[in-house]
N, C-alpha and C. Protein backbone atom coordinates (compact mmCIF):
# COMPACT_ATOMS: atom_id res chain seq x y z
N UNK A 1 -8.02 52.82 -0.79
CA UNK A 1 -8.05 51.35 -1.20
C UNK A 1 -8.70 51.42 -2.63
N UNK A 2 -8.53 50.24 -3.31
CA UNK A 2 -8.94 50.06 -4.61
C UNK A 2 -10.43 49.46 -4.39
N UNK A 3 -10.92 49.00 -5.59
CA UNK A 3 -12.30 48.45 -5.51
C UNK A 3 -12.45 47.08 -4.86
N UNK A 4 -11.69 46.67 -3.86
CA UNK A 4 -11.80 45.48 -3.15
C UNK A 4 -12.64 45.51 -1.95
N UNK A 5 -12.86 46.79 -1.43
CA UNK A 5 -13.65 46.96 -0.10
C UNK A 5 -15.13 47.17 -0.49
N UNK A 6 -15.92 46.33 0.22
CA UNK A 6 -17.43 46.55 -0.09
C UNK A 6 -18.08 46.81 1.25
N UNK A 7 -19.15 47.62 1.36
CA UNK A 7 -19.97 47.86 2.38
C UNK A 7 -19.12 48.55 3.27
N UNK A 8 -19.39 48.64 4.76
CA UNK A 8 -18.68 49.20 5.67
C UNK A 8 -17.34 48.70 6.21
N UNK A 9 -16.36 48.65 5.15
CA UNK A 9 -15.01 48.20 5.49
C UNK A 9 -14.70 46.78 5.31
N UNK A 10 -15.55 45.97 4.75
CA UNK A 10 -15.30 44.51 4.69
C UNK A 10 -14.33 44.25 3.29
N UNK A 11 -13.44 43.73 3.54
CA UNK A 11 -12.41 43.49 2.34
C UNK A 11 -12.62 42.08 1.82
N UNK A 12 -13.21 42.00 0.56
CA UNK A 12 -13.42 40.77 0.03
C UNK A 12 -12.16 39.89 -0.10
N UNK A 13 -11.10 40.30 -0.15
CA UNK A 13 -9.80 39.42 -0.19
C UNK A 13 -9.79 38.68 0.92
N UNK A 14 -10.40 39.05 2.12
CA UNK A 14 -10.35 38.25 3.40
C UNK A 14 -11.01 36.88 3.07
N UNK A 15 -11.96 36.81 2.14
CA UNK A 15 -12.64 35.49 2.01
C UNK A 15 -11.73 34.41 1.60
N UNK A 16 -10.55 34.67 0.97
CA UNK A 16 -9.47 33.61 0.69
C UNK A 16 -9.00 32.98 1.91
N UNK A 17 -8.91 33.55 2.97
CA UNK A 17 -8.38 33.13 4.29
C UNK A 17 -9.50 32.65 5.33
N UNK A 18 -10.66 33.05 5.06
CA UNK A 18 -11.75 32.60 6.07
C UNK A 18 -12.34 31.33 5.70
N UNK A 19 -12.77 30.51 6.82
CA UNK A 19 -13.60 29.31 6.62
C UNK A 19 -14.58 29.28 7.66
N UNK A 20 -15.56 28.44 7.43
CA UNK A 20 -16.63 28.18 8.41
C UNK A 20 -16.11 27.46 9.61
N UNK A 21 -16.30 28.00 10.79
CA UNK A 21 -15.70 27.40 12.03
C UNK A 21 -16.37 26.06 12.31
N UNK A 22 -17.60 25.94 11.70
CA UNK A 22 -18.24 24.63 12.13
C UNK A 22 -17.83 23.46 11.03
N UNK A 23 -17.76 23.86 9.91
CA UNK A 23 -17.69 22.77 9.01
C UNK A 23 -16.17 22.88 8.14
N UNK A 24 -15.45 23.88 8.25
CA UNK A 24 -14.17 24.26 7.62
C UNK A 24 -14.39 24.42 6.21
N UNK A 25 -15.65 24.56 5.67
CA UNK A 25 -15.89 24.86 4.34
C UNK A 25 -15.78 26.32 3.99
N UNK A 26 -15.55 26.75 2.77
CA UNK A 26 -15.44 28.03 2.33
C UNK A 26 -16.74 28.88 2.51
N UNK A 27 -16.55 30.26 2.59
CA UNK A 27 -17.64 31.01 2.77
C UNK A 27 -17.80 32.08 1.53
N UNK A 28 -19.12 32.35 1.39
CA UNK A 28 -19.53 33.33 0.25
C UNK A 28 -19.94 34.72 0.98
N UNK A 29 -19.73 35.73 0.34
CA UNK A 29 -20.01 37.11 0.86
C UNK A 29 -21.50 37.58 0.22
N UNK A 30 -22.42 37.89 1.12
CA UNK A 30 -23.66 38.43 0.73
C UNK A 30 -23.59 40.07 1.19
N UNK A 31 -23.32 40.77 0.25
CA UNK A 31 -23.05 42.19 0.36
C UNK A 31 -24.46 42.92 0.75
N UNK A 32 -25.57 42.53 0.45
CA UNK A 32 -26.77 43.09 0.77
C UNK A 32 -27.16 42.87 2.24
N UNK A 33 -26.90 41.68 2.85
CA UNK A 33 -27.14 41.38 4.24
C UNK A 33 -25.90 41.58 5.05
N UNK A 34 -24.78 41.88 4.51
CA UNK A 34 -23.45 42.00 5.19
C UNK A 34 -23.23 40.76 6.13
N UNK A 35 -23.21 39.48 5.38
CA UNK A 35 -23.05 38.25 6.00
C UNK A 35 -22.05 37.42 5.15
N UNK A 36 -21.43 36.58 5.93
CA UNK A 36 -20.62 35.52 5.15
C UNK A 36 -21.44 34.28 5.39
N UNK A 37 -21.70 33.55 4.26
CA UNK A 37 -22.66 32.44 4.21
C UNK A 37 -21.83 31.05 3.99
N UNK A 38 -22.23 30.29 4.84
CA UNK A 38 -21.82 28.76 4.84
C UNK A 38 -22.94 27.95 4.42
N UNK A 39 -22.99 27.70 3.18
CA UNK A 39 -24.10 26.78 2.74
C UNK A 39 -23.91 25.31 3.25
N UNK A 40 -22.66 24.87 3.52
CA UNK A 40 -22.42 23.58 4.06
C UNK A 40 -23.05 23.40 5.47
N UNK A 41 -22.84 24.41 6.37
CA UNK A 41 -23.42 24.58 7.65
C UNK A 41 -24.76 24.98 7.63
N UNK A 42 -25.23 25.65 6.66
CA UNK A 42 -26.66 26.30 6.62
C UNK A 42 -26.62 27.55 7.60
N UNK A 43 -25.64 28.26 7.60
CA UNK A 43 -25.51 29.44 8.63
C UNK A 43 -25.08 30.55 7.86
N UNK A 44 -25.34 31.84 8.32
CA UNK A 44 -24.84 33.14 7.81
C UNK A 44 -24.40 33.85 9.03
N UNK A 45 -23.02 34.13 8.94
CA UNK A 45 -22.24 34.72 9.93
C UNK A 45 -22.25 36.25 9.81
N UNK A 46 -22.67 37.06 10.82
CA UNK A 46 -22.74 38.66 10.52
C UNK A 46 -21.36 39.31 10.38
N UNK A 47 -21.45 40.38 9.64
CA UNK A 47 -20.19 41.38 9.54
C UNK A 47 -20.65 42.54 10.21
N UNK A 48 -19.87 42.99 11.25
CA UNK A 48 -20.23 44.06 12.10
C UNK A 48 -19.03 45.02 12.03
N UNK A 49 -19.34 46.23 11.61
CA UNK A 49 -18.31 47.20 11.46
C UNK A 49 -17.12 46.76 10.63
N UNK A 50 -17.37 45.95 9.60
CA UNK A 50 -16.45 45.56 8.66
C UNK A 50 -15.70 44.26 9.24
N UNK A 51 -15.92 43.72 10.51
CA UNK A 51 -15.37 42.52 11.02
C UNK A 51 -16.27 41.30 10.89
N UNK A 52 -15.93 40.32 10.35
CA UNK A 52 -16.59 39.10 10.47
C UNK A 52 -16.73 38.50 11.75
N UNK A 53 -17.94 38.02 12.22
CA UNK A 53 -18.09 37.50 13.56
C UNK A 53 -18.44 35.99 13.28
N UNK A 54 -17.20 35.30 13.37
CA UNK A 54 -17.34 33.78 13.01
C UNK A 54 -17.61 32.90 14.19
N UNK A 55 -18.63 33.17 14.90
CA UNK A 55 -19.04 32.40 16.15
C UNK A 55 -20.36 31.83 15.82
N UNK A 56 -20.42 30.53 15.97
CA UNK A 56 -21.75 29.72 15.62
C UNK A 56 -22.89 30.35 16.40
N UNK A 57 -22.72 30.74 17.64
CA UNK A 57 -23.78 31.30 18.51
C UNK A 57 -24.29 32.52 17.95
N UNK A 58 -23.51 33.29 17.14
CA UNK A 58 -24.00 34.59 16.58
C UNK A 58 -24.54 34.43 15.24
N UNK A 59 -24.40 33.20 14.53
CA UNK A 59 -24.81 33.01 13.28
C UNK A 59 -26.28 32.86 13.21
N UNK A 60 -26.72 33.07 11.97
CA UNK A 60 -28.23 33.11 11.65
C UNK A 60 -28.38 31.77 10.80
N UNK A 61 -29.46 30.93 11.03
CA UNK A 61 -29.80 29.87 10.36
C UNK A 61 -30.28 30.32 8.95
N UNK A 62 -29.82 29.68 7.94
CA UNK A 62 -30.35 29.91 6.54
C UNK A 62 -31.61 29.19 6.41
N UNK A 63 -32.60 29.92 5.76
CA UNK A 63 -33.95 29.27 5.49
C UNK A 63 -33.98 28.76 4.04
N UNK A 64 -34.50 27.63 4.01
CA UNK A 64 -34.58 26.92 2.56
C UNK A 64 -35.63 27.69 1.68
């Protein structure tokens, strides 16, 4: 693959298709923490083995 894959297999092009399951807002990618962040919901969804886990129960609350 070309330079679009970051971390352990997460393809940043997926961000165009993924939305927050709680708010339907767009997500941003935090490469350091391997998370997809929804500022609208105040949640960070984990990426495990290159696969985003977009379950509210699995998300981490963002701290202000």
